[in-house]
Amino acid sequence: MSFQLIVVGTSFGGLHALQILLKDLPKSFPVPIAVVIHRHKASDGAILTNLLQDYSQLLIKETQDKEDIIPGCVYLAPANYHLLVEGSRTAPKHYFALSTDDPVTYARPSIDVLFETAANVYAENVIGVLLTGANHDGSHGLAKIKAYGGKTVVEEPSTAVCGIMPQAAIIAGVADRILPLEDIPDFLVKICNF
């Protein structure tokens, strides 16, 4: 199977989790990554981008509206915007869109919004990764990814700063793999045939 997008969602404790996830992905990692991390609506995207760039060989950038999705990049949802994936399954290119629609599961950006729109566009060619967090955002999106034939990975709650979000996904039965945080990068490298 050829994966074309990885979507990652995290909340409380997410900065540390993303630093661990990204530091072990090689510079030539072939699959683009889109990330939603719950944060304050007025937070400075440049600060988060720089904090993560220090841990990653991949290019970290805050997503712009209508930006093409290309390999070698990690795209961060801007504060106070939902991050959506758009395009048709058969289109040669896909892109991101930003939305100020109402919060979902008390969050904007919402993990579920990213995951569900990624499933709509990429179907079986998307991997959803849910990390540490303090609410239930992400479970519905993982369910949709799984239903469309994509793969779902959930952080082992015992390795999470806050295990509520991963535990909710496990209870919902939407995790194909439950892995300690430190094992997720290697799994992604292997499953992406890299």
Protein backbone atom coordinates (compact mmCIF):
# COMPACT_ATOMS: atom_id res chain seq x y z
CA MET A 1 0.00 0.00 0.00
CA SER A 2 1.26 3.46 -0.87
CA PHE A 3 0.57 6.01 1.84
CA GLN A 4 0.30 9.61 0.67
CA LEU A 5 -0.43 11.54 3.88
CA ILE A 6 0.08 11.17 7.62
CA VAL A 7 -2.21 13.17 9.90
CA VAL A 8 -1.26 13.68 13.54
CA GLY A 9 -3.37 14.99 16.39
CA THR A 10 -2.31 15.93 19.89
CA SER A 11 -3.25 18.19 22.76
CA PHE A 12 -1.94 18.44 26.34
CA GLY A 13 1.72 17.36 26.30
CA GLY A 14 1.78 17.55 22.53
CA LEU A 15 4.89 19.67 22.05
CA HIS A 16 7.08 17.08 23.75
CA ALA A 17 5.35 14.23 21.91
CA LEU A 18 5.85 15.92 18.53
CA GLN A 19 9.52 16.54 19.28
CA ILE A 20 10.01 12.82 19.93
CA LEU A 21 7.96 11.80 16.90
CA LEU A 22 9.73 14.13 14.47
CA LYS A 23 13.33 13.73 15.62
CA ASP A 24 13.58 10.15 14.34
CA LEU A 25 12.07 10.72 10.90
CA PRO A 26 14.77 10.99 8.21
CA LYS A 27 15.17 14.06 6.02
CA SER A 28 14.11 12.05 2.97
CA PHE A 29 10.92 10.72 4.60
CA PRO A 30 8.58 10.41 1.60
CA VAL A 31 5.15 11.17 3.08
CA PRO A 32 3.88 14.66 3.99
CA ILE A 33 2.63 15.11 7.55
CA ALA A 34 -0.19 17.37 8.74
CA VAL A 35 -0.44 18.19 12.44
CA VAL A 36 -3.14 19.58 14.69
CA ILE A 37 -1.95 20.53 18.16
CA HIS A 38 -4.47 22.18 20.45
CA ARG A 39 -3.13 25.56 21.52
CA HIS A 40 -4.29 28.99 22.59
CA LYS A 41 -5.98 30.94 19.81
CA ALA A 42 -3.47 33.78 20.11
CA SER A 43 -0.34 31.61 20.18
CA ASP A 44 2.50 32.55 17.85
CA GLY A 45 2.94 29.98 15.09
CA ALA A 46 6.55 31.02 14.47
CA ILE A 47 7.52 30.02 17.99
CA LEU A 48 5.96 26.55 17.65
CA THR A 49 7.46 26.10 14.19
CA ASN A 50 10.94 26.99 15.47
CA LEU A 51 10.62 24.76 18.54
CA LEU A 52 9.75 21.78 16.34
CA GLN A 53 12.27 22.62 13.61
CA ASP A 54 15.06 22.23 16.17
CA TYR A 55 14.05 18.55 16.47
CA SER A 56 13.33 17.68 12.86
CA GLN A 57 15.21 17.22 9.61
CA LEU A 58 11.94 17.78 7.75
CA LEU A 59 10.73 21.27 6.90
CA ILE A 60 8.25 22.46 9.54
CA LYS A 61 5.80 25.14 8.42
CA GLU A 62 2.52 26.69 9.45
CA THR A 63 -0.03 25.88 6.77
CA GLN A 64 -1.41 28.54 4.44
CA ASP A 65 -4.90 28.41 2.94
CA LYS A 66 -4.96 26.58 -0.42
CA GLU A 67 -1.38 25.35 0.03
CA ASP A 68 -0.41 22.30 -2.03
CA ILE A 69 0.50 19.16 -0.08
CA ILE A 70 4.03 18.06 -0.94
CA PRO A 71 6.42 15.45 0.52
CA GLY A 72 9.20 16.46 2.87
CA CYS A 73 7.07 18.89 4.86
CA VAL A 74 5.35 18.89 8.22
CA TYR A 75 2.33 21.20 8.05
CA LEU A 76 1.03 22.72 11.29
CA ALA A 77 -2.54 23.90 11.69
CA PRO A 78 -2.51 27.61 12.55
CA ALA A 79 -3.92 28.66 15.90
CA ASN A 80 -7.70 29.22 15.84
CA TYR A 81 -8.19 27.65 12.38
CA HIS A 82 -9.44 24.22 11.41
CA LEU A 83 -7.08 22.49 8.98
CA LEU A 84 -8.87 20.63 6.18
CA VAL A 85 -7.63 18.48 3.31
CA GLU A 86 -9.31 19.20 -0.02
CA GLY A 87 -9.31 17.73 -3.51
CA SER A 88 -10.79 14.65 -5.10
CA ARG A 89 -9.43 11.14 -4.66
CA THR A 90 -8.51 11.00 -8.33
CA ALA A 91 -6.88 14.44 -8.55
CA PRO A 92 -3.11 14.45 -9.07
CA LYS A 93 -2.67 17.15 -6.40
CA HIS A 94 -4.35 17.86 -3.09
CA TYR A 95 -4.22 20.94 -0.92
CA PHE A 96 -5.06 22.32 2.51
CA ALA A 97 -7.83 24.72 3.40
CA LEU A 98 -8.28 26.75 6.58
CA SER A 99 -11.63 27.36 8.23
CA THR A 100 -12.99 29.45 11.08
CA ASP A 101 -16.09 27.29 11.48
CA ASP A 102 -17.23 26.67 15.05
CA PRO A 103 -14.98 24.63 17.36
CA VAL A 104 -15.44 20.85 17.26
CA THR A 105 -15.03 18.99 20.56
CA TYR A 106 -14.29 22.41 22.07
CA ALA A 107 -11.29 22.87 19.78
CA ARG A 108 -10.29 24.93 16.78
CA PRO A 109 -8.20 23.53 15.22
CA SER A 110 -9.95 20.20 15.63
CA ILE A 111 -8.19 16.88 15.19
CA ASP A 112 -11.44 15.27 14.00
CA VAL A 113 -11.84 17.85 11.21
CA LEU A 114 -8.34 17.16 9.87
CA PHE A 115 -8.67 13.38 10.17
CA GLU A 116 -12.14 13.21 8.59
CA THR A 117 -11.26 15.43 5.63
CA ALA A 118 -8.03 13.49 5.08
CA ALA A 119 -10.03 10.25 4.99
CA ASN A 120 -12.46 11.75 2.47
CA VAL A 121 -9.63 12.66 0.10
CA TYR A 122 -6.99 9.97 0.67
CA ALA A 123 -9.15 7.00 1.81
CA GLU A 124 -6.87 3.95 2.29
CA ASN A 125 -3.76 6.03 1.56
CA VAL A 126 -3.78 7.98 4.85
CA ILE A 127 -2.32 7.16 8.26
CA GLY A 128 -3.88 8.75 11.35
CA VAL A 129 -1.74 9.13 14.49
CA LEU A 130 -3.29 10.19 17.80
CA LEU A 131 -0.97 11.22 20.62
CA THR A 132 -1.26 12.58 24.15
CA GLY A 133 -4.22 14.78 25.03
CA ALA A 134 -6.84 15.71 27.59
CA ASN A 135 -10.11 15.36 25.67
CA HIS A 136 -11.82 13.06 23.16
CA ASP A 137 -10.94 14.90 19.95
CA GLY A 138 -9.60 12.56 17.28
CA SER A 139 -11.60 9.40 17.96
CA HIS A 140 -14.29 10.15 15.36
CA GLY A 141 -11.66 11.07 12.80
CA LEU A 142 -9.71 7.88 13.42
CA ALA A 143 -12.94 5.91 13.01
CA LYS A 144 -13.45 7.47 9.59
CA ILE A 145 -9.85 6.80 8.53
CA LYS A 146 -10.24 3.17 9.61
CA ALA A 147 -13.62 2.83 7.85
CA TYR A 148 -12.08 4.11 4.60
CA GLY A 149 -9.24 1.57 4.79
CA GLY A 150 -6.48 3.83 6.13
CA LYS A 151 -4.25 2.90 9.07
CA THR A 152 -4.62 4.23 12.60
CA VAL A 153 -1.95 4.48 15.28
CA VAL A 154 -2.59 5.50 18.88
CA GLU A 155 0.01 6.32 21.51
CA GLU A 156 0.09 3.84 24.38
CA PRO A 157 -1.66 5.83 27.15
CA SER A 158 0.99 4.89 29.71
CA THR A 159 3.63 6.77 27.66
CA ALA A 160 1.44 9.84 27.17
CA VAL A 161 1.71 12.99 29.29
CA CYS A 162 -2.10 12.75 29.42
CA GLY A 163 -3.64 9.46 28.36
CA ILE A 164 -7.28 10.60 28.06
CA MET A 165 -7.26 11.17 24.29
CA PRO A 166 -5.46 7.95 23.32
CA GLN A 167 -7.55 5.96 25.80
CA ALA A 168 -10.77 7.32 24.26
CA ALA A 169 -9.66 6.06 20.84
CA ILE A 170 -8.74 2.66 22.25
CA ILE A 171 -12.10 2.34 24.01
CA ALA A 172 -13.84 3.32 20.75
CA GLY A 173 -12.04 0.44 19.02
CA VAL A 174 -10.46 2.62 16.31
CA ALA A 175 -6.77 1.86 16.89
CA ASP A 176 -5.07 -0.52 14.44
CA ARG A 177 -1.84 -0.19 16.42
CA ILE A 178 -1.21 0.96 19.99
CA LEU A 179 2.45 1.87 20.41
CA PRO A 180 4.70 3.59 22.93
CA LEU A 181 5.52 7.09 21.69
CA GLU A 182 9.18 6.19 21.09
CA ASP A 183 8.19 3.35 18.72
CA ILE A 184 5.87 5.36 16.47
CA PRO A 185 8.56 6.99 14.25
CA ASP A 186 10.14 3.62 13.38
CA PHE A 187 6.70 2.16 12.66
CA LEU A 188 5.91 5.04 10.29
CA VAL A 189 9.22 4.61 8.47
CA LYS A 190 8.55 0.88 8.01
CA ILE A 191 4.89 1.15 6.99
CA CYS A 192 5.73 3.86 4.46
CA ASN A 193 8.21 1.44 2.85
CA PHE A 194 11.09 3.74 3.49
